[in-house]
């Protein structure tokens, strides 16, 4: 089944909002999907559960923020925890992708959809890094 296309969801985790993007391993093109802005963790994971049910991804990608020199900070730890929760709750393999420069690419834009666009950049980076697989 190596040649079968698989759906992939990507998440740009933030404390207030979570950007979500979708793509598949055949086209290897990421598209912004939605922004989750529920007030509680339960609300956020309920929205994620709906996306997981609808898209049935084979894996999830989570952006991993770091300082420009590569060192970790508080959000790095939170993103790792979020990735572990995705894997634990939904049983879907989760891959962390360095997102240090994803927001720089879209920093000129404003508004909530920037989170979904950031997730798309993270997913596209994953596809680009795994072009041979």
N, C-alpha and C. Protein backbone atom coordinates (compact mmCIF):
# COMPACT_ATOMS: atom_id res chain seq x y z
N UNK A 1 0.81 -1.21 0.00
CA UNK A 1 0.00 0.00 0.00
C UNK A 1 0.85 1.26 0.00
N UNK A 2 2.11 1.11 -0.24
CA UNK A 2 3.01 2.27 -0.20
C UNK A 2 2.57 3.36 -1.16
N UNK A 3 2.00 3.00 -2.30
CA UNK A 3 1.64 3.98 -3.29
C UNK A 3 0.30 4.66 -3.08
N UNK A 4 -0.47 4.22 -2.11
CA UNK A 4 -1.80 4.80 -1.88
C UNK A 4 -1.67 6.18 -1.25
N UNK A 5 -2.40 7.17 -1.78
CA UNK A 5 -2.35 8.51 -1.19
C UNK A 5 -2.94 8.51 0.23
N UNK A 6 -2.33 9.28 1.09
CA UNK A 6 -2.78 9.40 2.47
C UNK A 6 -3.07 10.86 2.78
N UNK A 7 -4.11 11.08 3.57
CA UNK A 7 -4.44 12.43 4.02
C UNK A 7 -3.60 12.77 5.24
N UNK A 8 -3.14 14.00 5.29
CA UNK A 8 -2.32 14.49 6.40
C UNK A 8 -2.93 15.80 6.90
N UNK A 9 -3.08 15.90 8.23
CA UNK A 9 -3.52 17.16 8.85
C UNK A 9 -2.32 17.78 9.56
N UNK A 10 -2.22 19.10 9.49
CA UNK A 10 -1.14 19.81 10.18
C UNK A 10 -1.75 20.84 11.11
N UNK A 11 -1.06 21.07 12.22
CA UNK A 11 -1.54 21.98 13.25
C UNK A 11 -0.47 23.00 13.61
N UNK A 12 -0.88 24.27 13.64
CA UNK A 12 -0.05 25.34 14.17
C UNK A 12 -0.65 25.69 15.52
N UNK A 13 -0.09 25.09 16.58
CA UNK A 13 -0.66 25.20 17.91
C UNK A 13 -0.37 26.56 18.53
N UNK A 14 -1.40 27.15 19.10
CA UNK A 14 -1.26 28.37 19.87
C UNK A 14 -2.19 28.30 21.07
N UNK A 15 -1.94 29.13 22.06
CA UNK A 15 -2.76 29.10 23.26
C UNK A 15 -4.18 29.59 22.99
N UNK A 16 -4.34 30.56 22.10
CA UNK A 16 -5.67 31.09 21.79
C UNK A 16 -6.31 30.40 20.59
N UNK A 17 -5.49 30.09 19.59
CA UNK A 17 -6.01 29.50 18.35
C UNK A 17 -5.09 28.39 17.87
N UNK A 18 -5.68 27.46 17.12
CA UNK A 18 -4.92 26.39 16.49
C UNK A 18 -5.24 26.44 14.99
N UNK A 19 -4.23 26.72 14.19
CA UNK A 19 -4.41 26.70 12.75
C UNK A 19 -4.34 25.27 12.25
N UNK A 20 -5.17 24.94 11.26
CA UNK A 20 -5.21 23.58 10.73
C UNK A 20 -5.10 23.65 9.20
N UNK A 21 -4.30 22.75 8.66
CA UNK A 21 -4.15 22.63 7.21
C UNK A 21 -4.30 21.16 6.84
N UNK A 22 -4.59 20.92 5.57
CA UNK A 22 -4.76 19.55 5.07
C UNK A 22 -3.99 19.39 3.78
N UNK A 23 -3.58 18.17 3.53
CA UNK A 23 -2.92 17.84 2.28
C UNK A 23 -2.92 16.33 2.13
N UNK A 24 -2.39 15.86 1.01
CA UNK A 24 -2.26 14.41 0.86
C UNK A 24 -0.91 14.08 0.26
N UNK A 25 -0.52 12.83 0.43
CA UNK A 25 0.83 12.41 0.04
C UNK A 25 0.96 12.22 -1.47
N UNK A 26 -0.14 12.27 -2.21
CA UNK A 26 -0.06 12.17 -3.67
C UNK A 26 0.32 13.52 -4.28
N UNK A 27 -0.46 14.55 -3.98
CA UNK A 27 -0.21 15.88 -4.54
C UNK A 27 0.89 16.63 -3.80
N UNK A 28 1.03 16.33 -2.51
CA UNK A 28 2.04 17.00 -1.66
C UNK A 28 1.89 18.51 -1.70
N UNK A 29 0.62 18.95 -1.64
CA UNK A 29 0.32 20.39 -1.59
C UNK A 29 -0.56 20.65 -0.38
N UNK A 30 -0.11 21.54 0.48
CA UNK A 30 -0.86 21.88 1.70
C UNK A 30 -1.85 22.99 1.42
N UNK A 31 -3.01 22.89 2.04
CA UNK A 31 -4.05 23.92 1.92
C UNK A 31 -4.51 24.33 3.31
N UNK A 32 -4.64 25.63 3.59
CA UNK A 32 -5.23 26.05 4.86
C UNK A 32 -6.64 25.47 4.97
N UNK A 33 -7.02 25.02 6.16
CA UNK A 33 -8.32 24.40 6.34
C UNK A 33 -9.23 25.23 7.24
N UNK A 34 -8.78 25.45 8.47
CA UNK A 34 -9.63 26.16 9.43
C UNK A 34 -8.79 26.66 10.59
N UNK A 35 -9.41 27.45 11.44
CA UNK A 35 -8.79 27.90 12.68
C UNK A 35 -9.72 27.50 13.81
N UNK A 36 -9.17 26.81 14.78
CA UNK A 36 -9.93 26.41 15.97
C UNK A 36 -9.67 27.45 17.04
N UNK A 37 -10.74 28.06 17.52
CA UNK A 37 -10.55 29.10 18.55
C UNK A 37 -11.50 28.89 19.72
N UNK A 38 -11.74 27.64 20.08
CA UNK A 38 -12.59 27.33 21.24
C UNK A 38 -11.93 27.85 22.52
N UNK A 39 -12.76 28.20 23.48
CA UNK A 39 -12.26 28.81 24.72
C UNK A 39 -11.59 27.81 25.66
N UNK A 40 -11.99 26.55 25.58
CA UNK A 40 -11.46 25.54 26.52
C UNK A 40 -10.72 24.45 25.76
N UNK A 41 -9.87 23.71 26.48
CA UNK A 41 -9.18 22.57 25.87
C UNK A 41 -10.19 21.53 25.38
N UNK A 42 -11.23 21.30 26.17
CA UNK A 42 -12.25 20.33 25.76
C UNK A 42 -12.89 20.77 24.45
N UNK A 43 -13.16 22.07 24.33
CA UNK A 43 -13.74 22.59 23.10
C UNK A 43 -12.79 22.44 21.92
N UNK A 44 -11.51 22.70 22.16
CA UNK A 44 -10.52 22.54 21.09
C UNK A 44 -10.44 21.09 20.63
N UNK A 45 -10.38 20.17 21.59
CA UNK A 45 -10.26 18.76 21.21
C UNK A 45 -11.56 18.21 20.62
N UNK A 46 -12.70 18.79 20.97
CA UNK A 46 -13.96 18.40 20.32
C UNK A 46 -13.92 18.81 18.84
N UNK A 47 -13.42 20.00 18.56
CA UNK A 47 -13.29 20.47 17.17
C UNK A 47 -12.28 19.61 16.41
N UNK A 48 -11.18 19.26 17.07
CA UNK A 48 -10.17 18.40 16.44
C UNK A 48 -10.76 17.02 16.17
N UNK A 49 -11.55 16.49 17.11
CA UNK A 49 -12.17 15.18 16.91
C UNK A 49 -13.05 15.17 15.67
N UNK A 50 -13.79 16.27 15.44
CA UNK A 50 -14.62 16.37 14.24
C UNK A 50 -13.76 16.36 12.98
N UNK A 51 -12.64 17.08 13.00
CA UNK A 51 -11.74 17.09 11.85
C UNK A 51 -11.13 15.71 11.60
N UNK A 52 -10.77 15.05 12.68
CA UNK A 52 -10.19 13.70 12.55
C UNK A 52 -11.21 12.74 11.94
N UNK A 53 -12.45 12.86 12.38
CA UNK A 53 -13.51 12.00 11.85
C UNK A 53 -13.77 12.29 10.37
N UNK A 54 -13.81 13.58 10.03
CA UNK A 54 -14.10 13.97 8.66
C UNK A 54 -12.97 13.61 7.70
N UNK A 55 -11.73 13.90 8.07
CA UNK A 55 -10.60 13.73 7.15
C UNK A 55 -9.89 12.39 7.28
N UNK A 56 -10.01 11.73 8.43
CA UNK A 56 -9.36 10.44 8.69
C UNK A 56 -7.88 10.43 8.24
N UNK A 57 -7.09 11.31 8.83
CA UNK A 57 -5.68 11.40 8.40
C UNK A 57 -4.87 10.17 8.80
N UNK A 58 -3.86 9.88 7.99
CA UNK A 58 -2.95 8.78 8.32
C UNK A 58 -1.87 9.25 9.29
N UNK A 59 -1.66 10.58 9.34
CA UNK A 59 -0.71 11.15 10.29
C UNK A 59 -1.03 12.62 10.50
N UNK A 60 -0.49 13.15 11.58
CA UNK A 60 -0.65 14.56 11.90
C UNK A 60 0.73 15.19 12.01
N UNK A 61 0.80 16.43 11.60
CA UNK A 61 2.04 17.20 11.68
C UNK A 61 1.78 18.35 12.64
N UNK A 62 2.71 18.58 13.55
CA UNK A 62 2.59 19.69 14.49
C UNK A 62 3.85 20.54 14.38
N UNK A 63 3.64 21.84 14.21
CA UNK A 63 4.77 22.76 14.15
C UNK A 63 5.44 22.86 15.51
N UNK A 64 6.76 22.81 15.50
CA UNK A 64 7.53 22.89 16.74
C UNK A 64 8.33 24.19 16.74
N UNK A 65 7.89 25.16 17.56
CA UNK A 65 8.60 26.44 17.59
C UNK A 65 9.89 26.35 18.40
N UNK A 66 10.86 27.09 17.97
CA UNK A 66 12.14 27.19 18.68
C UNK A 66 12.65 28.62 18.51
N UNK A 67 13.60 28.96 19.35
CA UNK A 67 14.30 30.24 19.16
C UNK A 67 15.11 30.14 17.86
N UNK A 68 15.47 31.27 17.26
CA UNK A 68 16.24 31.24 16.01
C UNK A 68 17.52 30.40 16.09
N UNK A 69 18.13 30.32 17.28
CA UNK A 69 19.35 29.52 17.40
C UNK A 69 19.07 28.04 17.64
N UNK A 70 17.77 27.66 17.64
CA UNK A 70 17.40 26.25 17.78
C UNK A 70 17.06 25.82 19.20
N UNK A 71 17.30 26.69 20.18
CA UNK A 71 16.98 26.31 21.55
C UNK A 71 15.47 26.33 21.76
N UNK A 72 15.05 25.53 22.72
CA UNK A 72 13.62 25.41 23.01
C UNK A 72 13.17 26.49 23.99
N UNK A 73 11.84 26.73 24.00
CA UNK A 73 11.25 27.66 24.96
C UNK A 73 9.91 27.09 25.42
N UNK A 74 9.14 27.88 26.16
CA UNK A 74 7.90 27.38 26.76
C UNK A 74 6.93 26.81 25.72
N UNK A 75 6.78 27.47 24.58
CA UNK A 75 5.84 26.98 23.57
C UNK A 75 6.33 25.69 22.91
N UNK A 76 7.63 25.47 22.90
CA UNK A 76 8.16 24.21 22.37
C UNK A 76 7.62 23.06 23.21
N UNK A 77 7.67 23.22 24.52
CA UNK A 77 7.19 22.18 25.44
C UNK A 77 5.69 21.98 25.26
N UNK A 78 4.94 23.07 25.14
CA UNK A 78 3.48 22.98 24.96
C UNK A 78 3.12 22.28 23.65
N UNK A 79 3.88 22.55 22.60
CA UNK A 79 3.61 21.92 21.31
C UNK A 79 3.92 20.43 21.34
N UNK A 80 5.00 20.05 22.03
CA UNK A 80 5.30 18.63 22.19
C UNK A 80 4.16 17.93 22.94
N UNK A 81 3.65 18.58 23.99
CA UNK A 81 2.54 18.01 24.77
C UNK A 81 1.30 17.86 23.89
N UNK A 82 1.01 18.89 23.09
CA UNK A 82 -0.13 18.85 22.18
C UNK A 82 0.02 17.69 21.19
N UNK A 83 1.21 17.52 20.62
CA UNK A 83 1.46 16.42 19.68
C UNK A 83 1.24 15.07 20.36
N UNK A 84 1.71 14.93 21.59
CA UNK A 84 1.51 13.68 22.34
C UNK A 84 0.03 13.44 22.60
N UNK A 85 -0.73 14.50 22.89
CA UNK A 85 -2.16 14.36 23.11
C UNK A 85 -2.87 13.93 21.83
N UNK A 86 -2.50 14.49 20.69
CA UNK A 86 -3.09 14.07 19.42
C UNK A 86 -2.87 12.58 19.20
N UNK A 87 -1.62 12.16 19.39
CA UNK A 87 -1.29 10.76 19.19
C UNK A 87 -2.05 9.87 20.17
N UNK A 88 -2.09 10.26 21.43
CA UNK A 88 -2.76 9.46 22.46
C UNK A 88 -4.27 9.39 22.29
N UNK A 89 -4.90 10.49 21.95
CA UNK A 89 -6.37 10.53 21.83
C UNK A 89 -6.88 9.86 20.56
N UNK A 90 -6.14 10.00 19.47
CA UNK A 90 -6.66 9.56 18.18
C UNK A 90 -5.88 8.40 17.57
N UNK A 91 -4.78 8.01 18.18
CA UNK A 91 -4.00 6.88 17.69
C UNK A 91 -3.39 7.10 16.31
N UNK A 92 -3.16 8.36 15.98
CA UNK A 92 -2.59 8.71 14.67
C UNK A 92 -1.14 9.13 14.89
N UNK A 93 -0.21 8.57 14.12
CA UNK A 93 1.19 9.00 14.26
C UNK A 93 1.31 10.51 14.09
N UNK A 94 2.12 11.12 14.93
CA UNK A 94 2.28 12.56 14.92
C UNK A 94 3.76 12.90 14.74
N UNK A 95 4.02 13.81 13.80
CA UNK A 95 5.39 14.21 13.47
C UNK A 95 5.56 15.68 13.81
N UNK A 96 6.65 16.01 14.47
CA UNK A 96 6.96 17.40 14.78
C UNK A 96 7.86 17.98 13.68
N UNK A 97 7.52 19.21 13.24
CA UNK A 97 8.28 19.87 12.19
C UNK A 97 8.73 21.24 12.69
N UNK A 98 10.00 21.54 12.50
CA UNK A 98 10.56 22.84 12.91
C UNK A 98 9.78 23.95 12.20
N UNK A 99 9.20 24.85 12.99
CA UNK A 99 8.40 25.93 12.39
C UNK A 99 9.03 27.31 12.60
N UNK A 100 10.31 27.35 12.88
CA UNK A 100 10.95 28.63 13.21
C UNK A 100 10.64 29.74 12.24
N UNK A 101 10.55 29.46 10.98
CA UNK A 101 10.42 30.54 10.02
C UNK A 101 9.05 30.60 9.34
N UNK A 102 8.10 29.78 9.79
CA UNK A 102 6.78 29.78 9.14
C UNK A 102 6.05 31.10 9.31
N UNK A 103 6.12 31.71 10.49
CA UNK A 103 5.39 32.97 10.67
C UNK A 103 6.08 34.13 9.97
N UNK A 104 7.39 34.03 9.75
CA UNK A 104 8.10 35.09 9.04
C UNK A 104 7.57 35.18 7.60
N UNK A 105 7.26 34.03 7.01
CA UNK A 105 6.80 33.99 5.63
C UNK A 105 5.49 34.75 5.46
N UNK A 106 4.63 34.73 6.49
CA UNK A 106 3.32 35.37 6.37
C UNK A 106 3.13 36.52 7.34
N UNK A 107 4.23 37.05 7.83
CA UNK A 107 4.14 38.08 8.88
C UNK A 107 3.47 39.36 8.42
N UNK A 108 3.40 39.60 7.13
CA UNK A 108 2.79 40.82 6.63
C UNK A 108 1.27 40.79 6.72
N UNK A 109 0.70 39.61 6.90
CA UNK A 109 -0.75 39.47 6.91
C UNK A 109 -1.30 39.61 8.33
N UNK A 110 -2.58 39.92 8.40
CA UNK A 110 -3.24 40.07 9.70
C UNK A 110 -4.52 39.25 9.70
N UNK A 111 -5.03 38.94 10.90
CA UNK A 111 -6.29 38.24 11.02
C UNK A 111 -6.10 36.79 11.40
N UNK A 112 -7.20 36.16 11.78
CA UNK A 112 -7.14 34.80 12.30
C UNK A 112 -6.65 33.78 11.29
N UNK A 113 -6.97 33.94 10.02
CA UNK A 113 -6.60 32.91 9.05
C UNK A 113 -5.10 32.76 8.90
N UNK A 114 -4.34 33.66 9.45
CA UNK A 114 -2.89 33.49 9.43
C UNK A 114 -2.49 32.18 10.11
N UNK A 115 -3.25 31.73 11.10
CA UNK A 115 -2.95 30.48 11.79
C UNK A 115 -3.10 29.28 10.86
N UNK A 116 -4.15 29.28 10.05
CA UNK A 116 -4.35 28.19 9.09
C UNK A 116 -3.27 28.23 8.01
N UNK A 117 -2.90 29.44 7.59
CA UNK A 117 -1.84 29.58 6.59
C UNK A 117 -0.50 29.11 7.16
N UNK A 118 -0.25 29.41 8.43
CA UNK A 118 0.98 28.94 9.07
C UNK A 118 1.00 27.42 9.12
N UNK A 119 -0.16 26.81 9.41
CA UNK A 119 -0.25 25.35 9.42
C UNK A 119 0.04 24.79 8.03
N UNK A 120 -0.44 25.48 6.98
CA UNK A 120 -0.18 25.04 5.61
C UNK A 120 1.31 25.12 5.28
N UNK A 121 1.97 26.16 5.75
CA UNK A 121 3.42 26.29 5.51
C UNK A 121 4.17 25.18 6.22
N UNK A 122 3.76 24.85 7.44
CA UNK A 122 4.38 23.76 8.19
C UNK A 122 4.19 22.43 7.45
N UNK A 123 2.96 22.20 6.95
CA UNK A 123 2.68 20.96 6.23
C UNK A 123 3.46 20.91 4.92
N UNK A 124 3.54 22.03 4.21
CA UNK A 124 4.30 22.05 2.96
C UNK A 124 5.77 21.77 3.23
N UNK A 125 6.28 22.30 4.33
CA UNK A 125 7.67 22.02 4.69
C UNK A 125 7.86 20.52 4.93
N UNK A 126 6.90 19.90 5.61
CA UNK A 126 6.96 18.45 5.84
C UNK A 126 6.98 17.71 4.50
N UNK A 127 6.06 18.07 3.59
CA UNK A 127 6.03 17.42 2.27
C UNK A 127 7.35 17.60 1.53
N UNK A 128 7.88 18.82 1.56
CA UNK A 128 9.15 19.10 0.87
C UNK A 128 10.30 18.29 1.46
N UNK A 129 10.32 18.15 2.78
CA UNK A 129 11.38 17.40 3.45
C UNK A 129 11.26 15.90 3.22
N UNK A 130 10.05 15.43 2.86
CA UNK A 130 9.80 13.99 2.67
C UNK A 130 9.38 13.71 1.23
N UNK A 131 9.98 14.41 0.30
CA UNK A 131 9.59 14.29 -1.11
C UNK A 131 9.83 12.89 -1.66
N UNK A 132 10.78 12.18 -1.13
CA UNK A 132 11.11 10.85 -1.65
C UNK A 132 10.30 9.75 -0.99
N UNK A 133 9.59 10.05 0.12
CA UNK A 133 8.89 8.96 0.80
C UNK A 133 7.46 8.85 0.37
